[in-house]
Amino acid sequence: MSKFGDLINSHVPVLIDFYTEWNEQSISMHPIIKDVAAALGDKAKVIKIDIDKNQELAEALRVKGLPTLMIYKDGQMVWRQSGELDANTLISLVKEQL
């Protein structure tokens, strides 16, 4: 958990994609997340977290639906949504936090 704290305690926005390799919607988000990361460059961090490998964290954050997307800034969650989104929407949401 302390590593997660280090990840989210950033002055730039941190977009986190909670996913699994067996969930169809999670898999379809992979190229979208990659595009978002490329578009944002160093203006934001984009992190993918496999909930099968991080069950304790997923439970602590009450991740139920997949994919679950969150944006953190300065250690605080500022946005959260479950389900698929397009790259432009995600980019706009992250840019609102810049």
C-alpha atoms as a PDB file:
ATOM      1  CA  MET A   1       0.000   0.000   0.000  1.00  0.00           C
ATOM      2  CA  SER A   2       2.823   2.430   0.759  1.00  0.00           C
ATOM      3  CA  LYS A   3       4.037   2.053  -2.828  1.00  0.00           C
ATOM      4  CA  PHE A   4       0.571   3.115  -4.000  1.00  0.00           C
ATOM      5  CA  GLY A   5       0.854   6.208  -1.821  1.00  0.00           C
ATOM      6  CA  ASP A   6       4.134   7.028  -3.545  1.00  0.00           C
ATOM      7  CA  LEU A   7       2.489   6.610  -6.963  1.00  0.00           C
ATOM      8  CA  ILE A   8      -0.447   8.930  -6.313  1.00  0.00           C
ATOM      9  CA  ASN A   9       1.376  11.593  -4.296  1.00  0.00           C
ATOM     10  CA  SER A  10       2.280  13.604  -7.369  1.00  0.00           C
ATOM     11  CA  HIS A  11       1.782  17.206  -8.465  1.00  0.00           C
ATOM     12  CA  VAL A  12       0.913  15.989 -11.951  1.00  0.00           C
ATOM     13  CA  PRO A  13      -2.353  14.084 -12.445  1.00  0.00           C
ATOM     14  CA  VAL A  14      -2.120  10.294 -12.161  1.00  0.00           C
ATOM     15  CA  LEU A  15      -4.536   8.241 -14.282  1.00  0.00           C
ATOM     16  CA  ILE A  16      -4.888   4.697 -13.011  1.00  0.00           C
ATOM     17  CA  ASP A  17      -6.485   1.860 -14.961  1.00  0.00           C
ATOM     18  CA  PHE A  18      -7.487  -1.073 -12.750  1.00  0.00           C
ATOM     19  CA  TYR A  19      -7.847  -4.106 -15.007  1.00  0.00           C
ATOM     20  CA  THR A  20      -7.562  -7.871 -15.366  1.00  0.00           C
ATOM     21  CA  GLU A  21      -6.330  -9.937 -18.292  1.00  0.00           C
ATOM     22  CA  TRP A  22      -9.542 -12.004 -18.347  1.00  0.00           C
ATOM     23  CA  ASN A  23     -12.011  -9.102 -18.563  1.00  0.00           C
ATOM     24  CA  GLU A  24     -13.002  -8.198 -22.145  1.00  0.00           C
ATOM     25  CA  GLN A  25     -13.618  -4.489 -21.431  1.00  0.00           C
ATOM     26  CA  SER A  26     -10.281  -4.253 -19.599  1.00  0.00           C
ATOM     27  CA  ILE A  27      -8.469  -5.728 -22.581  1.00  0.00           C
ATOM     28  CA  SER A  28     -10.215  -3.400 -25.046  1.00  0.00           C
ATOM     29  CA  MET A  29      -9.031  -0.420 -22.953  1.00  0.00           C
ATOM     30  CA  HIS A  30      -5.313  -1.346 -23.331  1.00  0.00           C
ATOM     31  CA  PRO A  31      -4.759   0.481 -26.662  1.00  0.00           C
ATOM     32  CA  ILE A  32      -6.849   3.443 -25.460  1.00  0.00           C
ATOM     33  CA  ILE A  33      -4.756   3.801 -22.290  1.00  0.00           C
ATOM     34  CA  LYS A  34      -1.608   3.561 -24.412  1.00  0.00           C
ATOM     35  CA  ASP A  35      -2.891   6.380 -26.673  1.00  0.00           C
ATOM     36  CA  VAL A  36      -3.773   8.524 -23.639  1.00  0.00           C
ATOM     37  CA  ALA A  37      -0.297   8.039 -22.172  1.00  0.00           C
ATOM     38  CA  ALA A  38       1.310   8.988 -25.504  1.00  0.00           C
ATOM     39  CA  ALA A  39      -0.885  12.082 -25.887  1.00  0.00           C
ATOM     40  CA  LEU A  40      -0.228  13.347 -22.354  1.00  0.00           C
ATOM     41  CA  GLY A  41       3.507  12.655 -22.335  1.00  0.00           C
ATOM     42  CA  ASP A  42       5.149  13.954 -19.153  1.00  0.00           C
ATOM     43  CA  LYS A  43       2.167  16.164 -18.236  1.00  0.00           C
ATOM     44  CA  ALA A  44       0.628  13.212 -16.368  1.00  0.00           C
ATOM     45  CA  LYS A  45       1.378   9.698 -15.178  1.00  0.00           C
ATOM     46  CA  VAL A  46      -0.608   6.800 -16.610  1.00  0.00           C
ATOM     47  CA  ILE A  47      -0.491   3.590 -14.585  1.00  0.00           C
ATOM     48  CA  LYS A  48      -2.109   0.194 -15.152  1.00  0.00           C
ATOM     49  CA  ILE A  49      -2.754  -1.995 -12.104  1.00  0.00           C
ATOM     50  CA  ASP A  50      -3.750  -5.657 -12.474  1.00  0.00           C
ATOM     51  CA  ILE A  51      -6.225  -6.308  -9.668  1.00  0.00           C
ATOM     52  CA  ASP A  52      -5.460 -10.048  -9.719  1.00  0.00           C
ATOM     53  CA  LYS A  53      -1.911  -9.175  -8.627  1.00  0.00           C
ATOM     54  CA  ASN A  54      -3.026  -6.361  -6.283  1.00  0.00           C
ATOM     55  CA  GLN A  55      -6.145  -7.745  -4.605  1.00  0.00           C
ATOM     56  CA  GLU A  56      -5.545  -5.973  -1.293  1.00  0.00           C
ATOM     57  CA  LEU A  57      -5.343  -2.588  -3.009  1.00  0.00           C
ATOM     58  CA  ALA A  58      -8.409  -3.304  -5.164  1.00  0.00           C
ATOM     59  CA  GLU A  59     -10.401  -4.244  -2.060  1.00  0.00           C
ATOM     60  CA  ALA A  60      -9.219  -1.160  -0.156  1.00  0.00           C
ATOM     61  CA  LEU A  61     -10.339   1.065  -3.050  1.00  0.00           C
ATOM     62  CA  ARG A  62     -13.561  -0.928  -3.529  1.00  0.00           C
ATOM     63  CA  VAL A  63     -12.842  -1.708  -7.162  1.00  0.00           C
ATOM     64  CA  LYS A  64     -15.849  -3.741  -8.335  1.00  0.00           C
ATOM     65  CA  GLY A  65     -16.514  -3.083 -12.029  1.00  0.00           C
ATOM     66  CA  LEU A  66     -13.824  -3.392 -14.656  1.00  0.00           C
ATOM     67  CA  PRO A  67     -12.119  -1.475 -15.925  1.00  0.00           C
ATOM     68  CA  THR A  68     -12.142   1.081 -13.115  1.00  0.00           C
ATOM     69  CA  LEU A  69     -10.401   4.329 -13.944  1.00  0.00           C
ATOM     70  CA  MET A  70      -9.256   6.879 -11.356  1.00  0.00           C
ATOM     71  CA  ILE A  71      -7.456  10.191 -11.454  1.00  0.00           C
ATOM     72  CA  TYR A  72      -5.396  11.291  -8.463  1.00  0.00           C
ATOM     73  CA  LYS A  73      -3.681  14.613  -7.884  1.00  0.00           C
ATOM     74  CA  ASP A  74      -1.530  15.473  -4.863  1.00  0.00           C
ATOM     75  CA  GLY A  75      -2.545  12.177  -3.243  1.00  0.00           C
ATOM     76  CA  GLN A  76      -6.299  12.823  -3.524  1.00  0.00           C
ATOM     77  CA  MET A  77      -8.756  11.036  -5.798  1.00  0.00           C
ATOM     78  CA  VAL A  78     -10.377  13.699  -7.991  1.00  0.00           C
ATOM     79  CA  TRP A  79     -12.296  11.471 -10.426  1.00  0.00           C
ATOM     80  CA  ARG A  80     -13.418   7.848 -10.686  1.00  0.00           C
ATOM     81  CA  GLN A  81     -15.498   5.804 -13.110  1.00  0.00           C
ATOM     82  CA  SER A  82     -16.024   2.171 -14.002  1.00  0.00           C
ATOM     83  CA  GLY A  83     -16.422   1.117 -17.613  1.00  0.00           C
ATOM     84  CA  GLU A  84     -14.904   1.932 -20.961  1.00  0.00           C
ATOM     85  CA  LEU A  85     -14.146   5.472 -22.117  1.00  0.00           C
ATOM     86  CA  ASP A  86     -12.625   6.793 -25.329  1.00  0.00           C
ATOM     87  CA  ALA A  87      -9.153   8.324 -25.428  1.00  0.00           C
ATOM     88  CA  ASN A  88     -10.325  11.908 -26.062  1.00  0.00           C
ATOM     89  CA  THR A  89     -12.625  11.861 -23.029  1.00  0.00           C
ATOM     90  CA  LEU A  90      -9.858  10.511 -20.791  1.00  0.00           C
ATOM     91  CA  ILE A  91      -7.353  13.053 -22.111  1.00  0.00           C
ATOM     92  CA  SER A  92      -9.820  15.894 -21.418  1.00  0.00           C
ATOM     93  CA  LEU A  93     -10.508  14.613 -17.893  1.00  0.00           C
ATOM     94  CA  VAL A  94      -6.795  14.459 -17.082  1.00  0.00           C
ATOM     95  CA  LYS A  95      -6.111  17.881 -18.640  1.00  0.00           C
ATOM     96  CA  GLU A  96      -8.773  19.411 -16.349  1.00  0.00           C
ATOM     97  CA  GLN A  97      -6.423  18.558 -13.467  1.00  0.00           C
ATOM     98  CA  LEU A  98      -3.304  20.190 -14.967  1.00  0.00           C
END
